[in-house]
Amino acid sequence: MLKLVRAPNVVIAQHWMNILAAAGVPCELHNRYLSGAMGEIPADQCAPEIWLVDERDETLARKLIADATNGPPPGAPSWRCPQCGETLEPQFTVCWQCGRARDPRDD
């Protein structure tokens, strides 16, 4: 196992876990419940951590988290859902109208 990243809070950690899981990258969330111990334990040791099950996934996992953190590049075009035709802003990865996930090949 390999420690991939420390998240600033559990909500962001879970979001990143969901992104990794959707890409088929097995990982574990550690320190999920340690925020209540902050003060008794140093703050940097209480942060949620994402650990990769397979170290070979590190490059892909880091790219996925960087993409999620940075969002779409400035000036990125909107995209059209191929299922229902709705036009969506580039930061959205799922069509709000029909629920279809965006496929990068659709762009």
Protein backbone atom coordinates (compact mmCIF):
# COMPACT_ATOMS: atom_id res chain seq x y z
CA MET A 1 0.00 0.00 0.00
CA LEU A 2 1.07 3.55 -0.71
CA LYS A 3 -0.09 6.77 0.94
CA LEU A 4 -1.31 8.89 -1.95
CA VAL A 5 -2.49 12.12 -0.38
CA ARG A 6 -3.76 13.88 2.74
CA ALA A 7 -7.08 15.62 2.27
CA PRO A 8 -8.02 18.86 3.99
CA ASN A 9 -11.23 17.29 5.35
CA VAL A 10 -13.35 14.15 5.19
CA VAL A 11 -15.78 15.55 2.61
CA ILE A 12 -13.02 16.22 0.08
CA ALA A 13 -11.36 12.91 0.93
CA GLN A 14 -14.60 11.05 0.19
CA HIS A 15 -15.05 13.00 -3.04
CA TRP A 16 -11.57 11.97 -4.16
CA MET A 17 -12.29 8.38 -3.12
CA ASN A 18 -15.41 8.42 -5.31
CA ILE A 19 -13.42 9.73 -8.29
CA LEU A 20 -10.78 7.03 -7.84
CA ALA A 21 -13.40 4.31 -7.41
CA ALA A 22 -15.20 5.43 -10.59
CA ALA A 23 -11.91 5.07 -12.45
CA GLY A 24 -11.37 1.57 -11.04
CA VAL A 25 -8.51 2.56 -8.73
CA PRO A 26 -8.78 0.58 -5.47
CA CYS A 27 -7.95 2.68 -2.41
CA GLU A 28 -8.69 3.07 1.28
CA LEU A 29 -9.57 6.09 3.40
CA HIS A 30 -7.60 6.27 6.64
CA ASN A 31 -8.02 8.63 9.63
CA ARG A 32 -11.68 9.18 8.79
CA TYR A 33 -12.66 9.68 12.44
CA LEU A 34 -9.53 11.28 13.91
CA SER A 35 -10.68 14.90 13.60
CA GLY A 36 -12.29 14.56 17.04
CA ALA A 37 -8.89 13.79 18.52
CA MET A 38 -7.30 17.00 17.20
CA GLY A 39 -5.54 18.73 20.06
CA GLU A 40 -4.71 15.47 21.76
CA ILE A 41 -3.00 14.31 18.57
CA PRO A 42 -1.10 16.73 16.30
CA ALA A 43 -3.36 18.20 13.61
CA ASP A 44 -1.22 16.91 10.72
CA GLN A 45 -1.72 13.36 11.99
CA CYS A 46 -5.51 13.73 12.14
CA ALA A 47 -6.05 14.60 8.47
CA PRO A 48 -7.84 12.01 6.33
CA GLU A 49 -5.45 10.08 4.08
CA ILE A 50 -6.06 8.15 0.88
CA TRP A 51 -3.97 5.03 0.47
CA LEU A 52 -3.63 3.11 -2.79
CA VAL A 53 -4.02 -0.65 -2.68
CA ASP A 54 -1.76 -1.06 -5.73
CA GLU A 55 1.24 1.26 -6.09
CA ARG A 56 1.09 0.84 -9.89
CA ASP A 57 -2.01 3.07 -9.88
CA GLU A 58 -0.11 6.05 -8.46
CA THR A 59 0.34 8.04 -11.69
CA LEU A 60 -3.31 7.69 -12.71
CA ALA A 61 -4.56 8.43 -9.18
CA ARG A 62 -2.46 11.60 -8.88
CA LYS A 63 -3.72 12.81 -12.26
CA LEU A 64 -7.35 12.16 -11.32
CA ILE A 65 -7.01 14.05 -8.04
CA ALA A 66 -5.16 16.93 -9.72
CA ASP A 67 -7.89 17.17 -12.36
CA ALA A 68 -10.58 17.15 -9.66
CA THR A 69 -8.75 19.80 -7.66
CA ASN A 70 -8.04 22.13 -10.58
CA GLY A 71 -11.30 21.74 -12.49
CA PRO A 72 -11.56 22.44 -16.21
CA PRO A 73 -9.01 24.78 -17.79
CA PRO A 74 -10.04 28.41 -18.28
CA GLY A 75 -12.08 28.85 -21.44
CA ALA A 76 -13.02 25.16 -21.67
CA PRO A 77 -16.07 24.71 -23.90
CA SER A 78 -19.47 23.53 -22.75
CA TRP A 79 -20.46 19.99 -23.68
CA ARG A 80 -23.65 18.51 -25.08
CA CYS A 81 -25.12 15.36 -23.59
CA PRO A 82 -25.37 12.77 -26.38
CA GLN A 83 -28.35 11.13 -24.67
CA CYS A 84 -30.74 14.07 -24.17
CA GLY A 85 -29.04 16.97 -25.98
CA GLU A 86 -28.74 19.22 -22.92
CA THR A 87 -25.82 21.71 -23.00
CA LEU A 88 -23.76 21.72 -19.81
CA GLU A 89 -20.91 23.83 -18.48
CA PRO A 90 -17.47 22.17 -18.59
CA GLN A 91 -17.14 21.59 -14.82
CA PHE A 92 -20.09 19.20 -14.79
CA THR A 93 -19.32 15.53 -15.31
CA VAL A 94 -22.91 14.26 -15.21
CA CYS A 95 -25.89 15.59 -17.14
CA TRP A 96 -28.36 17.17 -14.71
CA GLN A 97 -31.23 16.48 -17.12
CA CYS A 98 -30.89 12.71 -17.68
CA GLY A 99 -28.07 11.61 -15.35
CA ARG A 100 -25.74 10.31 -18.07
CA ALA A 101 -22.06 10.54 -17.15
CA ARG A 102 -19.85 12.59 -19.45
CA ASP A 103 -17.53 10.50 -21.55
CA PRO A 104 -14.40 12.36 -22.69
CA ARG A 105 -14.79 10.66 -26.06
CA ASP A 106 -18.08 12.55 -26.53
CA ASP A 107 -16.29 15.92 -26.77
